[in-house]
Protein backbone atom coordinates (compact mmCIF):
# COMPACT_ATOMS: atom_id res chain seq x y z
CA MET A 1 -62.15 -11.74 -0.28
CA THR A 2 -63.35 -15.33 0.22
CA PHE A 3 -61.37 -18.55 -0.04
CA ASP A 4 -63.98 -21.30 -0.58
CA GLU A 5 -63.80 -22.80 2.91
CA ASP A 6 -59.97 -22.89 2.87
CA PHE A 7 -59.85 -21.78 6.50
CA ARG A 8 -63.00 -23.29 7.99
CA ASP A 9 -62.02 -24.88 11.35
CA ARG A 10 -58.32 -24.37 10.64
CA GLY A 11 -56.19 -23.54 13.66
CA VAL A 12 -54.39 -20.20 13.27
CA VAL A 13 -51.78 -18.88 15.72
CA ILE A 14 -51.14 -15.13 15.63
CA THR A 15 -48.43 -13.44 17.69
CA GLY A 16 -48.77 -9.76 18.48
CA ALA A 17 -52.52 -10.33 18.24
CA CYS A 18 -53.46 -7.20 20.18
CA GLY A 19 -51.65 -4.84 17.82
CA VAL A 20 -53.01 -3.05 14.78
CA PHE A 21 -52.07 -5.70 12.22
CA GLY A 22 -52.67 -8.53 14.67
CA ARG A 23 -56.30 -7.56 15.13
CA TRP A 24 -56.77 -7.10 11.38
CA ILE A 25 -55.29 -10.54 10.67
CA ALA A 26 -57.32 -12.19 13.42
CA ARG A 27 -60.56 -10.64 12.17
CA ALA A 28 -59.91 -11.78 8.60
CA PHE A 29 -59.31 -15.41 9.57
CA LEU A 30 -62.19 -15.41 12.04
CA ASP A 31 -64.55 -14.19 9.33
CA GLN A 32 -63.52 -17.22 7.26
CA GLY A 33 -64.39 -19.64 10.06
CA ALA A 34 -60.93 -20.28 11.50
CA ARG A 35 -60.10 -21.17 15.10
CA LEU A 36 -57.73 -18.64 16.64
CA CYS A 37 -54.91 -18.74 19.15
CA LEU A 38 -54.26 -15.12 20.05
CA SER A 39 -50.80 -14.53 21.50
CA ASP A 40 -49.53 -11.28 23.00
CA ASN A 41 -47.44 -10.27 26.01
CA ARG A 42 -50.22 -7.99 27.29
CA ALA A 43 -52.43 -10.39 29.21
CA ASP A 44 -55.05 -7.75 30.03
CA ARG A 45 -55.40 -6.78 26.39
CA LEU A 46 -55.78 -10.39 25.25
CA ALA A 47 -59.15 -10.78 26.94
CA GLU A 48 -60.29 -7.43 25.55
CA THR A 49 -59.15 -8.33 22.04
CA ALA A 50 -60.82 -11.75 22.13
CA ALA A 51 -64.06 -10.12 23.30
CA GLU A 52 -63.82 -7.38 20.68
CA LEU A 53 -63.35 -9.98 17.93
CA GLY A 54 -65.95 -12.41 19.27
CA ALA A 55 -63.28 -15.10 19.65
CA GLU A 56 -64.18 -16.25 23.15
CA GLY A 57 -65.59 -19.74 22.53
CA ALA A 58 -63.96 -22.98 23.62
CA GLU A 59 -62.53 -23.48 20.14
CA HIS A 60 -60.39 -20.35 20.50
CA LEU A 61 -57.24 -19.95 22.63
CA THR A 62 -55.27 -17.10 24.15
CA HIS A 63 -51.74 -17.11 25.53
CA ALA A 64 -49.80 -14.33 27.25
CA THR A 65 -46.47 -14.92 25.53
CA GLU A 66 -43.29 -13.08 26.40
CA LEU A 67 -41.40 -13.41 23.14
CA THR A 68 -38.04 -12.54 24.70
CA ASP A 69 -38.38 -15.68 26.89
CA ALA A 70 -37.81 -19.07 25.24
CA ALA A 71 -39.71 -20.82 28.02
CA SER A 72 -42.78 -18.67 27.41
CA ILE A 73 -42.68 -19.48 23.69
CA ALA A 74 -42.37 -23.17 24.55
CA ALA A 75 -45.46 -22.83 26.78
CA LEU A 76 -47.39 -21.31 23.86
CA VAL A 77 -46.42 -24.22 21.63
CA GLU A 78 -47.38 -26.72 24.32
CA GLN A 79 -50.79 -25.14 24.91
CA VAL A 80 -51.62 -25.34 21.22
CA ARG A 81 -50.31 -28.91 21.02
CA ALA A 82 -52.45 -29.96 23.99
CA GLU A 83 -55.61 -28.37 22.59
CA TRP A 84 -55.25 -28.79 18.83
CA GLY A 85 -52.46 -31.30 18.28
CA ALA A 86 -50.87 -28.81 15.91
CA PRO A 87 -51.82 -25.57 14.19
CA ASP A 88 -52.50 -25.30 10.49
CA ILE A 89 -51.22 -21.73 10.14
CA VAL A 90 -48.73 -19.68 12.17
CA ILE A 91 -48.43 -15.92 11.73
CA ASN A 92 -45.30 -14.39 13.26
CA ASN A 93 -46.74 -10.90 13.41
CA ALA A 94 -45.27 -9.44 16.62
CA GLY A 95 -42.48 -6.91 16.25
CA VAL A 96 -40.97 -3.79 17.78
CA TYR A 97 -39.99 -0.64 15.90
CA PRO A 98 -37.96 1.57 18.23
CA SER A 99 -36.26 4.68 16.92
CA GLY A 100 -32.74 5.63 17.90
CA PHE A 101 -29.37 6.36 16.39
CA LEU A 102 -26.71 3.67 16.46
CA LEU A 103 -24.47 5.80 18.65
CA ASP A 104 -27.25 6.06 21.24
CA ILE A 105 -28.62 2.51 21.40
CA ASP A 106 -27.16 0.24 24.07
CA ALA A 107 -26.61 -3.51 23.89
CA ASP A 108 -29.78 -4.33 25.84
CA GLU A 109 -31.97 -2.44 23.37
CA TRP A 110 -30.19 -4.05 20.42
CA ASP A 111 -30.79 -7.49 21.96
CA ARG A 112 -34.47 -6.72 22.63
CA ILE A 113 -35.06 -5.75 19.01
CA PHE A 114 -33.46 -8.95 17.73
CA ASP A 115 -35.10 -11.09 20.41
CA VAL A 116 -38.58 -10.01 19.32
CA ASN A 117 -38.09 -9.48 15.59
CA THR A 118 -35.78 -12.37 14.68
CA ARG A 119 -35.13 -14.85 17.52
CA ALA A 120 -38.80 -15.19 18.49
CA PRO A 121 -40.02 -15.98 14.96
CA PHE A 122 -37.32 -18.66 14.78
CA LEU A 123 -38.38 -20.26 18.07
CA VAL A 124 -42.10 -19.98 17.28
CA ALA A 125 -41.63 -21.47 13.80
CA GLN A 126 -39.33 -24.20 15.11
CA GLY A 127 -41.66 -25.20 17.92
CA PHE A 128 -44.81 -25.30 15.82
CA ALA A 129 -43.08 -26.97 12.86
CA ARG A 130 -42.07 -29.81 15.16
CA THR A 131 -45.69 -30.30 16.27
CA MET A 132 -46.94 -30.09 12.68
CA ILE A 133 -44.42 -32.71 11.55
CA ALA A 134 -45.30 -34.97 14.49
CA GLN A 135 -48.99 -34.77 13.54
CA GLY A 136 -48.29 -35.19 9.83
CA ARG A 137 -49.93 -31.85 9.19
CA ALA A 138 -48.88 -29.76 6.23
CA GLY A 139 -49.40 -26.10 6.86
CA SER A 140 -48.23 -22.56 6.38
CA ILE A 141 -46.02 -20.15 8.31
CA ILE A 142 -46.11 -16.44 7.52
CA ASN A 143 -43.44 -14.12 8.87
CA ILE A 144 -44.37 -10.45 8.85
CA SER A 145 -41.44 -8.48 7.50
CA SER A 146 -41.01 -4.93 6.23
CA GLY A 147 -39.66 -3.00 3.29
CA ALA A 148 -37.02 -1.94 5.82
CA ALA A 149 -35.40 -5.32 5.17
CA ARG A 150 -34.29 -3.93 1.79
CA LYS A 151 -34.25 -0.18 2.37
CA MET A 152 -32.02 1.10 5.16
CA ARG A 153 -33.46 4.01 7.15
CA LYS A 154 -31.56 6.39 9.37
CA SER A 155 -32.42 6.09 13.10
CA VAL A 156 -33.97 2.61 12.74
CA VAL A 157 -30.91 0.64 11.59
CA PRO A 158 -31.33 -2.17 14.17
CA TYR A 159 -34.94 -2.66 13.04
CA CYS A 160 -33.91 -2.78 9.38
CA THR A 161 -31.14 -5.24 10.20
CA SER A 162 -33.46 -7.48 12.21
CA LYS A 163 -35.94 -7.64 9.32
CA THR A 164 -33.17 -8.44 6.83
CA ALA A 165 -32.18 -11.32 9.10
CA LEU A 166 -35.82 -12.43 9.25
CA ASP A 167 -35.91 -12.53 5.46
CA ARG A 168 -32.90 -14.86 5.36
CA LEU A 169 -34.30 -16.98 8.20
CA SER A 170 -37.64 -17.36 6.44
CA ARG A 171 -36.06 -18.58 3.23
CA GLY A 172 -33.98 -21.05 5.22
CA LEU A 173 -37.07 -22.34 6.99
CA ALA A 174 -38.86 -22.64 3.65
CA LEU A 175 -35.98 -24.69 2.30
CA GLU A 176 -35.76 -27.07 5.24
CA LEU A 177 -39.49 -27.50 5.89
CA ALA A 178 -40.53 -28.06 2.27
CA GLU A 179 -40.12 -31.83 2.51
CA TYR A 180 -42.77 -31.88 5.26
CA GLY A 181 -45.28 -29.89 3.22
CA ILE A 182 -44.88 -26.82 5.42
CA ARG A 183 -44.67 -23.62 3.40
CA VAL A 184 -42.96 -20.49 4.75
CA ASN A 185 -43.48 -17.07 3.19
CA LEU A 186 -43.05 -13.42 4.10
CA VAL A 187 -45.46 -10.52 3.79
CA GLU A 188 -44.33 -6.90 4.00
CA PRO A 189 -47.37 -4.84 5.08
CA GLY A 190 -47.73 -1.19 4.31
CA PHE A 191 -47.52 1.64 6.79
CA ALA A 192 -50.24 1.79 9.45
CA ALA A 193 -50.03 4.02 12.50
CA GLY A 194 -51.55 3.24 15.88
CA SER A 195 -49.12 0.82 17.51
CA GLU A 196 -49.03 1.03 21.31
CA VAL A 197 -45.71 -0.83 21.41
CA SER A 198 -43.86 1.46 19.01
CA ALA A 199 -45.55 4.86 19.19
CA LEU A 200 -45.01 7.30 16.31
CA THR A 201 -45.27 11.08 16.30
CA GLN A 202 -47.86 12.79 14.11
CA ASP A 203 -45.05 14.38 12.10
CA HIS A 204 -43.65 10.91 11.42
CA VAL A 205 -47.06 9.57 10.36
CA GLU A 206 -47.68 12.49 7.98
CA ALA A 207 -44.21 12.33 6.46
CA VAL A 208 -44.36 8.58 5.78
CA THR A 209 -47.89 8.70 4.36
CA ALA A 210 -46.93 11.58 2.05
CA SER A 211 -44.05 9.52 0.65
CA ILE A 212 -46.09 6.43 -0.29
CA PRO A 213 -46.44 6.22 -4.10
CA LEU A 214 -50.08 5.05 -3.98
CA GLY A 215 -50.86 7.94 -1.68
CA ARG A 216 -52.36 6.32 1.40
CA ALA A 217 -51.66 4.26 4.49
CA SER A 218 -52.47 0.56 4.73
CA ARG A 219 -56.09 -0.54 5.13
CA PRO A 220 -57.20 -3.63 7.08
CA GLU A 221 -57.81 -5.70 3.96
CA ASP A 222 -54.52 -4.94 2.20
CA ALA A 223 -51.98 -7.17 3.95
CA THR A 224 -54.59 -9.59 5.27
CA ASN A 225 -55.71 -10.53 1.76
CA ALA A 226 -52.09 -11.24 0.84
CA ILE A 227 -51.53 -13.31 3.98
CA MET A 228 -54.66 -15.36 3.43
CA PHE A 229 -53.79 -15.93 -0.23
CA LEU A 230 -50.36 -17.28 0.73
CA CYS A 231 -51.97 -19.58 3.31
CA SER A 232 -54.66 -20.80 0.91
CA ASP A 233 -54.74 -23.74 -1.47
CA ALA A 234 -54.37 -21.25 -4.33
CA ALA A 235 -50.76 -20.70 -3.18
CA SER A 236 -49.92 -24.38 -2.62
CA TYR A 237 -46.85 -24.10 -4.89
CA ILE A 238 -45.46 -20.95 -3.27
CA THR A 239 -42.81 -21.08 -0.56
CA GLY A 240 -39.87 -18.85 0.29
CA ALA A 241 -41.60 -15.87 -1.33
CA ASN A 242 -41.73 -12.29 -0.11
CA LEU A 243 -44.82 -10.26 -1.00
CA ALA A 244 -44.71 -6.50 -0.47
CA VAL A 245 -48.14 -4.96 0.12
CA ASP A 246 -47.03 -1.43 0.90
CA GLY A 247 -48.36 0.90 -1.80
CA GLY A 248 -44.90 1.03 -3.36
CA ASN A 249 -43.29 2.49 -0.24
CA SER A 250 -40.26 0.21 -0.43
CA ILE A 251 -39.41 0.69 -4.10
CA GLY A 252 -38.12 4.24 -3.96
CA SER A 253 -38.67 7.87 -3.06
CA LEU A 254 -41.25 10.35 -4.37
CA ALA A 255 -38.88 13.24 -3.77
CA VAL A 256 -38.19 15.30 -6.92
CA TYR A 257 -35.06 17.46 -6.80
CA GLN A 258 -35.83 19.86 -9.65
CA SER A 259 -38.00 22.91 -10.10
CA LYS A 260 -40.65 21.08 -12.16
CA LYS A 261 -42.30 18.71 -9.67
CA THR A 262 -44.96 16.95 -11.75
CA ALA A 263 -45.07 15.20 -15.13
CA LEU A 264 -47.99 17.16 -16.57
């Protein structure tokens, strides 16, 4: 998909840039001529990812950001401010998806999930919105959510809860930043295995994929096309929206509890 130079020389910040979706998002914007700031807490992987993408020139930035640390997030914001003045687009992509029953999870793990999935997007959005306002730059913030925000799942209740909170936060940001021309939207990507941060068993991967109504896992272009649309001029009147790009995974179950399993 092309966007008629919408993203040429635009500054795009992506957290969790070394992950599966982070790399897909980075590649999509890079192919449209954007400047990238790749953020991840894995400093060694940042250099590898930048090299893999071909985003190593002076116009591109990297930052080893620890999203559980407010000072580290502030340093990310300051680096971008010093180099670019302000970004045009911010993608809060980083997230953790640990599995565990509520009776087994301790307070530290609960706090970590919310620190990364909810608190960090708030601090990242707040910091960059301030720089955008100071520079008089209208722009777009995308928070990466999940169908889990609307569909509770046993053994990942803290994750579901953190994404529900992110949904509310995003709509609040959209409301309060609208007067500055900063749009805030959510995208719910479909299922894609391969995360190094939140590893999944093969049984889990097969079970989830089998339950997706459209019958497959997410491809690189699926969520990225939605993200880029929402950041483009074509979506200039859209803010506070939530776009699910998940093959129907969040709308219901494919399970049929009767002897006849198909319609035909």
